[in-house]
Amino acid sequence: MHPLQHPLFIQYIVNFNKEKDYFECHEVGEEYWKSVAPKDKMHPLTGWIQLAVGMYHWRRSNYPGALRSFIRAKVKLASGGVWVEGFDHEKLIGILTTSIEAVTERKPFFIQEIPIVSEELKQAVESYYSEQPLIEQDPYYLMHKHRLRDRSSIISLREQKKRRNL
């Protein structure tokens, strides 16, 4: 299987292009990255994650956070290779360039889609999307998801880690 046909990456694309849920892109992207290249912060999957994080920050008008994320994403995705196969690489880099310029100029957020050119990848995304019901998200929730989600498990893990380090 091509690495970008992995179910978690397909879910990333659906979250990005169809649902505009950039926070969820980060979550599934990170899960996939940890299974492929844990701790390799220069792996191209981290570029995909940072693209989504940039969109999330930009939507929230966190321009410095968006700018940092987009710049890092562009560096990691610019080299091409297997991790951008199936996409219009020139347009993908163009999206990052446009996003960097827009957040630098403090322009309002606007939605962009990852440009898929591979028919096989398009079919995988459509198949996944048709099998999963679209859940219309409240725009406020999408914008502030990191604050509004249940964080009890994260807090519990942090507390356990603190206790171990004492």
N, C-alpha and C. Protein backbone atom coordinates (compact mmCIF):
# COMPACT_ATOMS: atom_id res chain seq x y z
N MET A 1 0.85 -1.18 0.00
CA MET A 1 0.00 0.00 0.00
C MET A 1 0.89 1.25 0.00
N HIS A 2 0.53 2.21 -0.82
CA HIS A 2 1.22 3.50 -0.84
C HIS A 2 0.97 4.18 0.51
N PRO A 3 1.99 4.84 1.08
CA PRO A 3 1.81 5.44 2.41
C PRO A 3 0.67 6.45 2.49
N LEU A 4 0.33 7.09 1.38
CA LEU A 4 -0.75 8.07 1.42
C LEU A 4 -2.12 7.43 1.20
N GLN A 5 -2.14 6.09 1.02
CA GLN A 5 -3.40 5.36 0.95
C GLN A 5 -3.78 4.80 2.32
N HIS A 6 -2.95 5.04 3.31
CA HIS A 6 -3.22 4.56 4.66
C HIS A 6 -4.53 5.18 5.15
N PRO A 7 -5.36 4.40 5.84
CA PRO A 7 -6.65 4.92 6.31
C PRO A 7 -6.56 6.20 7.13
N LEU A 8 -5.52 6.35 7.94
CA LEU A 8 -5.39 7.57 8.73
C LEU A 8 -5.10 8.79 7.84
N PHE A 9 -4.32 8.58 6.77
CA PHE A 9 -4.06 9.72 5.88
C PHE A 9 -5.30 10.04 5.05
N ILE A 10 -6.03 9.03 4.65
CA ILE A 10 -7.29 9.26 3.93
C ILE A 10 -8.23 10.06 4.84
N GLN A 11 -8.28 9.67 6.11
CA GLN A 11 -9.12 10.41 7.06
C GLN A 11 -8.64 11.85 7.19
N TYR A 12 -7.32 12.05 7.19
CA TYR A 12 -6.76 13.41 7.24
C TYR A 12 -7.31 14.24 6.08
N ILE A 13 -7.27 13.68 4.86
CA ILE A 13 -7.73 14.41 3.68
C ILE A 13 -9.22 14.73 3.80
N VAL A 14 -10.00 13.75 4.25
CA VAL A 14 -11.44 13.98 4.42
C VAL A 14 -11.66 15.10 5.44
N ASN A 15 -10.95 15.04 6.56
CA ASN A 15 -11.08 16.10 7.57
C ASN A 15 -10.70 17.46 7.00
N PHE A 16 -9.67 17.49 6.18
CA PHE A 16 -9.18 18.76 5.63
C PHE A 16 -10.10 19.28 4.53
N ASN A 17 -10.31 18.48 3.49
CA ASN A 17 -11.03 18.96 2.31
C ASN A 17 -12.55 18.96 2.46
N LYS A 18 -13.09 17.99 3.14
CA LYS A 18 -14.54 17.87 3.21
C LYS A 18 -15.12 18.52 4.47
N GLU A 19 -14.50 18.26 5.62
CA GLU A 19 -15.07 18.71 6.89
C GLU A 19 -14.47 20.00 7.40
N LYS A 20 -13.33 20.39 6.89
CA LYS A 20 -12.61 21.60 7.31
C LYS A 20 -12.30 21.56 8.81
N ASP A 21 -12.09 20.36 9.31
CA ASP A 21 -11.80 20.14 10.73
C ASP A 21 -10.29 19.96 10.87
N TYR A 22 -9.59 21.07 10.95
CA TYR A 22 -8.13 21.06 10.96
C TYR A 22 -7.57 20.50 12.27
N PHE A 23 -8.31 20.65 13.34
CA PHE A 23 -7.87 20.07 14.61
C PHE A 23 -7.84 18.55 14.49
N GLU A 24 -8.87 17.99 13.88
CA GLU A 24 -8.93 16.53 13.72
C GLU A 24 -7.84 16.06 12.75
N CYS A 25 -7.51 16.86 11.76
CA CYS A 25 -6.38 16.54 10.87
C CYS A 25 -5.12 16.36 11.70
N HIS A 26 -4.90 17.27 12.62
CA HIS A 26 -3.73 17.18 13.50
C HIS A 26 -3.76 15.87 14.28
N GLU A 27 -4.91 15.52 14.82
CA GLU A 27 -5.02 14.32 15.65
C GLU A 27 -4.71 13.05 14.85
N VAL A 28 -5.36 12.89 13.69
CA VAL A 28 -5.12 11.67 12.90
C VAL A 28 -3.75 11.69 12.25
N GLY A 29 -3.29 12.87 11.85
CA GLY A 29 -1.95 12.98 11.28
C GLY A 29 -0.88 12.60 12.29
N GLU A 30 -1.06 13.05 13.50
CA GLU A 30 -0.09 12.71 14.55
C GLU A 30 -0.11 11.22 14.86
N GLU A 31 -1.29 10.63 14.90
CA GLU A 31 -1.40 9.19 15.15
C GLU A 31 -0.66 8.40 14.06
N TYR A 32 -0.84 8.81 12.81
CA TYR A 32 -0.17 8.14 11.70
C TYR A 32 1.34 8.35 11.79
N TRP A 33 1.77 9.58 12.03
CA TRP A 33 3.19 9.89 12.14
C TRP A 33 3.85 9.07 13.25
N LYS A 34 3.19 8.94 14.39
CA LYS A 34 3.76 8.17 15.50
C LYS A 34 3.92 6.69 15.15
N SER A 35 3.09 6.20 14.23
CA SER A 35 3.21 4.80 13.82
C SER A 35 4.28 4.60 12.75
N VAL A 36 4.63 5.68 12.04
CA VAL A 36 5.58 5.58 10.93
C VAL A 36 6.98 6.06 11.32
N ALA A 37 7.04 7.22 11.94
CA ALA A 37 8.35 7.85 12.20
C ALA A 37 8.35 8.60 13.53
N PRO A 38 8.07 7.89 14.62
CA PRO A 38 8.00 8.60 15.90
C PRO A 38 9.29 9.34 16.21
N LYS A 39 9.14 10.53 16.68
CA LYS A 39 10.25 11.40 17.10
C LYS A 39 11.03 12.03 15.94
N ASP A 40 10.73 11.67 14.69
CA ASP A 40 11.40 12.29 13.55
C ASP A 40 10.60 13.55 13.17
N LYS A 41 10.99 14.66 13.77
CA LYS A 41 10.24 15.91 13.58
C LYS A 41 10.45 16.53 12.20
N MET A 42 11.34 15.97 11.42
CA MET A 42 11.54 16.48 10.06
C MET A 42 10.85 15.59 9.01
N HIS A 43 10.15 14.56 9.46
CA HIS A 43 9.45 13.67 8.54
C HIS A 43 8.37 14.46 7.80
N PRO A 44 8.16 14.18 6.52
CA PRO A 44 7.14 14.91 5.76
C PRO A 44 5.73 14.85 6.35
N LEU A 45 5.41 13.79 7.07
CA LEU A 45 4.08 13.75 7.71
C LEU A 45 3.91 14.92 8.68
N THR A 46 5.00 15.34 9.31
CA THR A 46 4.88 16.49 10.21
C THR A 46 4.57 17.76 9.42
N GLY A 47 4.98 17.80 8.16
CA GLY A 47 4.61 18.92 7.29
C GLY A 47 3.11 18.97 7.05
N TRP A 48 2.52 17.79 6.81
CA TRP A 48 1.06 17.73 6.64
C TRP A 48 0.35 18.16 7.93
N ILE A 49 0.87 17.70 9.06
CA ILE A 49 0.28 18.08 10.34
C ILE A 49 0.37 19.60 10.52
N GLN A 50 1.53 20.17 10.21
CA GLN A 50 1.72 21.60 10.39
C GLN A 50 0.86 22.42 9.42
N LEU A 51 0.58 21.88 8.24
CA LEU A 51 -0.35 22.55 7.33
C LEU A 51 -1.71 22.70 8.01
N ALA A 52 -2.19 21.62 8.59
CA ALA A 52 -3.50 21.66 9.26
C ALA A 52 -3.46 22.58 10.49
N VAL A 53 -2.38 22.52 11.25
CA VAL A 53 -2.25 23.38 12.43
C VAL A 53 -2.24 24.85 12.00
N GLY A 54 -1.56 25.14 10.89
CA GLY A 54 -1.56 26.51 10.37
C GLY A 54 -2.96 26.98 10.03
N MET A 55 -3.73 26.11 9.39
CA MET A 55 -5.12 26.47 9.05
C MET A 55 -5.95 26.69 10.32
N TYR A 56 -5.74 25.84 11.31
CA TYR A 56 -6.48 25.97 12.57
C TYR A 56 -6.15 27.31 13.24
N HIS A 57 -4.87 27.63 13.31
CA HIS A 57 -4.47 28.90 13.93
C HIS A 57 -4.99 30.10 13.14
N TRP A 58 -4.88 30.01 11.82
CA TRP A 58 -5.33 31.12 10.98
C TRP A 58 -6.82 31.37 11.17
N ARG A 59 -7.61 30.29 11.19
CA ARG A 59 -9.05 30.42 11.39
C ARG A 59 -9.35 31.15 12.70
N ARG A 60 -8.48 30.95 13.70
CA ARG A 60 -8.67 31.57 15.01
C ARG A 60 -7.99 32.94 15.11
N SER A 61 -7.46 33.43 13.99
CA SER A 61 -6.73 34.70 13.91
C SER A 61 -5.47 34.71 14.75
N ASN A 62 -4.90 33.54 14.97
CA ASN A 62 -3.59 33.45 15.62
C ASN A 62 -2.55 33.49 14.50
N TYR A 63 -2.28 34.68 14.03
CA TYR A 63 -1.40 34.86 12.88
C TYR A 63 0.03 34.40 13.14
N PRO A 64 0.64 34.70 14.29
CA PRO A 64 2.01 34.21 14.52
C PRO A 64 2.08 32.67 14.53
N GLY A 65 1.12 32.02 15.17
CA GLY A 65 1.10 30.55 15.19
C GLY A 65 0.89 29.97 13.81
N ALA A 66 0.01 30.59 13.03
CA ALA A 66 -0.25 30.13 11.67
C ALA A 66 1.00 30.30 10.81
N LEU A 67 1.65 31.43 10.92
CA LEU A 67 2.84 31.69 10.12
C LEU A 67 3.94 30.67 10.41
N ARG A 68 4.20 30.44 11.68
CA ARG A 68 5.22 29.45 12.07
C ARG A 68 4.90 28.08 11.48
N SER A 69 3.65 27.68 11.61
CA SER A 69 3.23 26.36 11.13
C SER A 69 3.34 26.25 9.61
N PHE A 70 2.89 27.26 8.89
CA PHE A 70 2.96 27.22 7.43
C PHE A 70 4.41 27.19 6.93
N ILE A 71 5.27 27.98 7.56
CA ILE A 71 6.68 27.99 7.14
C ILE A 71 7.30 26.61 7.35
N ARG A 72 7.05 26.01 8.50
CA ARG A 72 7.59 24.68 8.78
C ARG A 72 7.03 23.64 7.82
N ALA A 73 5.74 23.73 7.54
CA ALA A 73 5.10 22.78 6.62
C ALA A 73 5.71 22.90 5.22
N LYS A 74 5.93 24.12 4.78
CA LYS A 74 6.46 24.33 3.43
C LYS A 74 7.85 23.72 3.30
N VAL A 75 8.68 23.88 4.30
CA VAL A 75 10.03 23.31 4.27
C VAL A 75 9.95 21.79 4.12
N LYS A 76 9.06 21.17 4.87
CA LYS A 76 8.99 19.70 4.89
C LYS A 76 8.30 19.12 3.66
N LEU A 77 7.39 19.86 3.07
CA LEU A 77 6.66 19.35 1.91
C LEU A 77 7.26 19.78 0.58
N ALA A 78 8.19 20.72 0.61
CA ALA A 78 8.77 21.26 -0.63
C ALA A 78 9.61 20.24 -1.40
N SER A 79 10.24 19.33 -0.69
CA SER A 79 11.16 18.40 -1.35
C SER A 79 10.45 17.37 -2.22
N GLY A 80 9.15 17.25 -2.07
CA GLY A 80 8.42 16.29 -2.88
C GLY A 80 8.58 14.88 -2.35
N GLY A 81 8.71 13.94 -3.27
CA GLY A 81 8.89 12.55 -2.86
C GLY A 81 7.57 11.83 -2.63
N VAL A 82 7.69 10.65 -2.06
CA VAL A 82 6.55 9.74 -1.89
C VAL A 82 5.43 10.37 -1.04
N TRP A 83 5.77 11.27 -0.14
CA TRP A 83 4.79 11.83 0.78
C TRP A 83 3.94 12.94 0.18
N VAL A 84 4.18 13.27 -1.09
CA VAL A 84 3.31 14.23 -1.79
C VAL A 84 2.83 13.68 -3.13
N GLU A 85 3.14 12.41 -3.39
CA GLU A 85 2.67 11.79 -4.63
C GLU A 85 1.14 11.75 -4.62
N GLY A 86 0.57 11.98 -5.76
CA GLY A 86 -0.89 11.95 -5.87
C GLY A 86 -1.52 13.32 -5.68
N PHE A 87 -0.67 14.32 -5.42
CA PHE A 87 -1.14 15.68 -5.25
C PHE A 87 -0.46 16.56 -6.29
N ASP A 88 -1.10 17.66 -6.62
CA ASP A 88 -0.46 18.64 -7.48
C ASP A 88 0.54 19.39 -6.59
N HIS A 89 1.80 18.97 -6.67
CA HIS A 89 2.83 19.48 -5.76
C HIS A 89 3.01 20.98 -5.91
N GLU A 90 2.99 21.46 -7.13
CA GLU A 90 3.15 22.91 -7.36
C GLU A 90 2.01 23.69 -6.70
N LYS A 91 0.79 23.20 -6.85
CA LYS A 91 -0.36 23.88 -6.22
C LYS A 91 -0.29 23.77 -4.70
N LEU A 92 0.15 22.63 -4.19
CA LEU A 92 0.28 22.45 -2.73
C LEU A 92 1.25 23.48 -2.16
N ILE A 93 2.39 23.63 -2.79
CA ILE A 93 3.37 24.62 -2.33
C ILE A 93 2.81 26.03 -2.53
N GLY A 94 2.04 26.22 -3.61
CA GLY A 94 1.38 27.51 -3.84
C GLY A 94 0.40 27.85 -2.73
N ILE A 95 -0.33 26.86 -2.25
CA ILE A 95 -1.27 27.08 -1.13
C ILE A 95 -0.49 27.53 0.10
N LEU A 96 0.62 26.88 0.36
CA LEU A 96 1.44 27.28 1.52
C LEU A 96 2.00 28.68 1.34
N THR A 97 2.47 28.99 0.14
CA THR A 97 3.01 30.33 -0.14
C THR A 97 1.92 31.39 0.04
N THR A 98 0.75 31.14 -0.53
CA THR A 98 -0.38 32.06 -0.41
C THR A 98 -0.79 32.23 1.05
N SER A 99 -0.80 31.14 1.79
CA SER A 99 -1.18 31.19 3.20
C SER A 99 -0.16 31.99 4.01
N ILE A 100 1.12 31.78 3.72
CA ILE A 100 2.17 32.55 4.42
C ILE A 100 1.99 34.04 4.15
N GLU A 101 1.76 34.40 2.89
CA GLU A 101 1.55 35.80 2.54
C GLU A 101 0.31 36.37 3.21
N ALA A 102 -0.77 35.59 3.22
CA ALA A 102 -2.03 36.07 3.80
C ALA A 102 -1.91 36.30 5.31
N VAL A 103 -1.30 35.36 6.01
CA VAL A 103 -1.20 35.56 7.47
C VAL A 103 -0.19 36.64 7.81
N THR A 104 0.84 36.81 6.97
CA THR A 104 1.80 37.89 7.18
C THR A 104 1.10 39.24 7.06
N GLU A 105 0.16 39.32 6.11
CA GLU A 105 -0.60 40.56 5.88
C GLU A 105 -1.86 40.64 6.75
N ARG A 106 -2.03 39.66 7.64
CA ARG A 106 -3.19 39.61 8.57
C ARG A 106 -4.53 39.61 7.82
N LYS A 107 -4.55 38.89 6.71
CA LYS A 107 -5.79 38.77 5.94
C LYS A 107 -6.72 37.79 6.65
N PRO A 108 -8.03 37.94 6.45
CA PRO A 108 -8.97 37.00 7.06
C PRO A 108 -8.77 35.59 6.51
N PHE A 109 -9.10 34.63 7.32
CA PHE A 109 -9.01 33.22 6.96
C PHE A 109 -9.88 32.91 5.75
N PHE A 110 -9.37 32.07 4.87
CA PHE A 110 -10.19 31.52 3.79
C PHE A 110 -9.80 30.06 3.60
N ILE A 111 -10.78 29.27 3.23
CA ILE A 111 -10.63 27.83 3.08
C ILE A 111 -9.87 27.51 1.79
N GLN A 112 -8.98 26.54 1.90
CA GLN A 112 -8.27 26.02 0.74
C GLN A 112 -8.34 24.50 0.80
N GLU A 113 -8.25 23.86 -0.34
CA GLU A 113 -8.29 22.40 -0.38
C GLU A 113 -6.98 21.84 -0.88
N ILE A 114 -6.63 20.69 -0.36
CA ILE A 114 -5.44 19.99 -0.82
C ILE A 114 -5.73 19.48 -2.24
N PRO A 115 -4.89 19.83 -3.20
CA PRO A 115 -5.17 19.49 -4.61
C PRO A 115 -4.77 18.05 -4.96
N ILE A 116 -5.76 17.17 -4.98
CA ILE A 116 -5.53 15.76 -5.30
C ILE A 116 -5.57 15.58 -6.82
N VAL A 117 -4.58 14.88 -7.36
CA VAL A 117 -4.58 14.59 -8.80
C VAL A 117 -4.69 13.09 -9.07
N SER A 118 -4.32 12.26 -8.13
CA SER A 118 -4.38 10.81 -8.30
C SER A 118 -5.83 10.34 -8.25
N GLU A 119 -6.25 9.66 -9.31
CA GLU A 119 -7.62 9.12 -9.34
C GLU A 119 -7.81 8.09 -8.23
N GLU A 120 -6.79 7.28 -7.99
CA GLU A 120 -6.87 6.27 -6.93
C GLU A 120 -7.07 6.92 -5.56
N LEU A 121 -6.35 8.00 -5.31
CA LEU A 121 -6.48 8.71 -4.05
C LEU A 121 -7.84 9.40 -3.94
N LYS A 122 -8.29 10.00 -5.04
CA LYS A 122 -9.63 10.62 -5.06
C LYS A 122 -10.70 9.58 -4.73
N GLN A 123 -10.58 8.40 -5.33
CA GLN A 123 -11.56 7.33 -5.08
C GLN A 123 -11.52 6.86 -3.63
N ALA A 124 -10.31 6.75 -3.07
CA ALA A 124 -10.18 6.33 -1.66
C ALA A 124 -10.82 7.35 -0.74
N VAL A 125 -10.64 8.63 -1.03
CA VAL A 125 -11.24 9.69 -0.22
C VAL A 125 -12.76 9.65 -0.34
N GLU A 126 -13.26 9.54 -1.57
CA GLU A 126 -14.72 9.49 -1.77
C GLU A 126 -15.33 8.26 -1.11
N SER A 127 -14.65 7.13 -1.21
CA SER A 127 -15.14 5.91 -0.59
C SER A 127 -15.21 6.06 0.93
N TYR A 128 -14.14 6.58 1.52
CA TYR A 128 -14.11 6.80 2.98
C TYR A 128 -15.23 7.77 3.37
N TYR A 129 -15.33 8.84 2.61
CA TYR A 129 -16.31 9.89 2.91
C TYR A 129 -17.74 9.36 2.80
N SER A 130 -18.00 8.52 1.81
CA SER A 130 -19.36 8.00 1.62
C SER A 130 -19.74 6.99 2.71
N GLU A 131 -18.73 6.34 3.31
CA GLU A 131 -18.99 5.36 4.37
C GLU A 131 -19.14 6.01 5.74
N GLN A 132 -18.64 7.21 5.89
CA GLN A 132 -18.70 7.91 7.17
C GLN A 132 -19.71 9.05 7.04
N PRO A 133 -20.72 9.08 7.87
CA PRO A 133 -21.69 10.18 7.76
C PRO A 133 -21.02 11.51 8.12
N LEU A 134 -21.34 12.52 7.34
CA LEU A 134 -20.82 13.86 7.63
C LEU A 134 -21.54 14.40 8.85
N ILE A 135 -20.77 14.81 9.80
CA ILE A 135 -21.35 15.42 10.99
C ILE A 135 -21.11 16.91 10.88
N GLU A 136 -22.19 17.64 10.69
CA GLU A 136 -22.07 19.09 10.60
C GLU A 136 -21.61 19.61 11.95
N GLN A 137 -20.48 20.29 11.94
CA GLN A 137 -19.92 20.83 13.17
C GLN A 137 -20.31 22.30 13.29
N ASP A 138 -20.58 22.69 14.49
CA ASP A 138 -20.81 24.09 14.81
C ASP A 138 -19.51 24.84 14.50
N PRO A 139 -19.58 25.92 13.71
CA PRO A 139 -18.35 26.66 13.37
C PRO A 139 -17.57 27.12 14.61
N TYR A 140 -18.27 27.49 15.66
CA TYR A 140 -17.59 27.91 16.89
C TYR A 140 -16.80 26.73 17.47
N TYR A 141 -17.41 25.55 17.45
CA TYR A 141 -16.73 24.36 17.97
C TYR A 141 -15.49 24.04 17.14
N LEU A 142 -15.60 24.10 15.80
CA LEU A 142 -14.45 23.84 14.94
C LEU A 142 -13.32 24.84 15.21
N MET A 143 -13.70 26.06 15.50
CA MET A 143 -12.72 27.12 15.71
C MET A 143 -12.00 27.00 17.05
N HIS A 144 -12.69 26.47 18.05
CA HIS A 144 -12.14 26.41 19.41
C HIS A 144 -12.08 24.99 19.95
N LYS A 145 -11.96 24.02 19.08
CA LYS A 145 -12.06 22.62 19.45
C LYS A 145 -11.05 22.22 20.52
N HIS A 146 -9.84 22.76 20.47
CA HIS A 146 -8.82 22.38 21.44
C HIS A 146 -9.22 22.76 22.86
N ARG A 147 -10.06 23.76 23.01
CA ARG A 147 -10.51 24.17 24.34
C ARG A 147 -11.80 23.50 24.78
N LEU A 148 -12.62 23.12 23.82
CA LEU A 148 -13.97 22.65 24.13
C LEU A 148 -14.08 21.14 24.24
N ARG A 149 -13.07 20.40 23.83
CA ARG A 149 -13.13 18.94 23.89
C ARG A 149 -12.89 18.45 25.31
N ASP A 150 -13.21 17.20 25.54
CA ASP A 150 -12.96 16.58 26.85
C ASP A 150 -11.47 16.32 26.97
N ARG A 151 -10.83 16.97 27.92
CA ARG A 151 -9.38 16.85 28.09
C ARG A 151 -9.02 16.03 29.32
N SER A 152 -9.96 15.36 29.94
CA SER A 152 -9.70 14.64 31.18
C SER A 152 -8.61 13.58 31.03
N SER A 153 -8.59 12.85 29.92
CA SER A 153 -7.57 11.82 29.74
C SER A 153 -6.18 12.45 29.57
N ILE A 154 -6.11 13.58 28.89
CA ILE A 154 -4.83 14.27 28.71
C ILE A 154 -4.31 14.77 30.05
N ILE A 155 -5.18 15.36 30.83
CA ILE A 155 -4.81 15.88 32.15
C ILE A 155 -4.36 14.74 33.06
N SER A 156 -5.07 13.64 33.00
CA SER A 156 -4.71 12.47 33.81
C SER A 156 -3.32 11.96 33.45
N LEU A 157 -3.03 11.85 32.14
CA LEU A 157 -1.70 11.39 31.70
C LEU A 157 -0.60 12.34 32.15
N ARG A 158 -0.86 13.63 32.09
CA ARG A 158 0.14 14.61 32.54
C ARG A 158 0.40 14.47 34.04
N GLU A 159 -0.66 14.26 34.81
CA GLU A 159 -0.51 14.08 36.26
C GLU A 159 0.30 12.83 36.57
N GLN A 160 0.03 11.75 35.85
CA GLN A 160 0.79 10.51 36.05
C GLN A 160 2.26 10.71 35.74
N LYS A 161 2.53 11.43 34.67
CA LYS A 161 3.91 11.70 34.27
C LYS A 161 4.62 12.54 35.33
N LYS A 162 3.93 13.54 35.87
CA LYS A 162 4.51 14.38 36.92
C LYS A 162 4.88 13.54 38.13
N ARG A 163 3.97 12.65 38.54
CA ARG A 163 4.21 11.81 39.71
C ARG A 163 5.41 10.91 39.50
N ARG A 164 5.57 10.38 38.30
CA ARG A 164 6.71 9.51 38.00
C ARG A 164 8.03 10.26 38.04
N ASN A 165 7.98 11.52 37.65
CA ASN A 165 9.20 12.34 37.60
C ASN A 165 9.59 12.96 38.95
N LEU A 166 8.75 12.79 39.96
CA LEU A 166 9.08 13.38 41.27
C LEU A 166 10.11 12.57 42.00
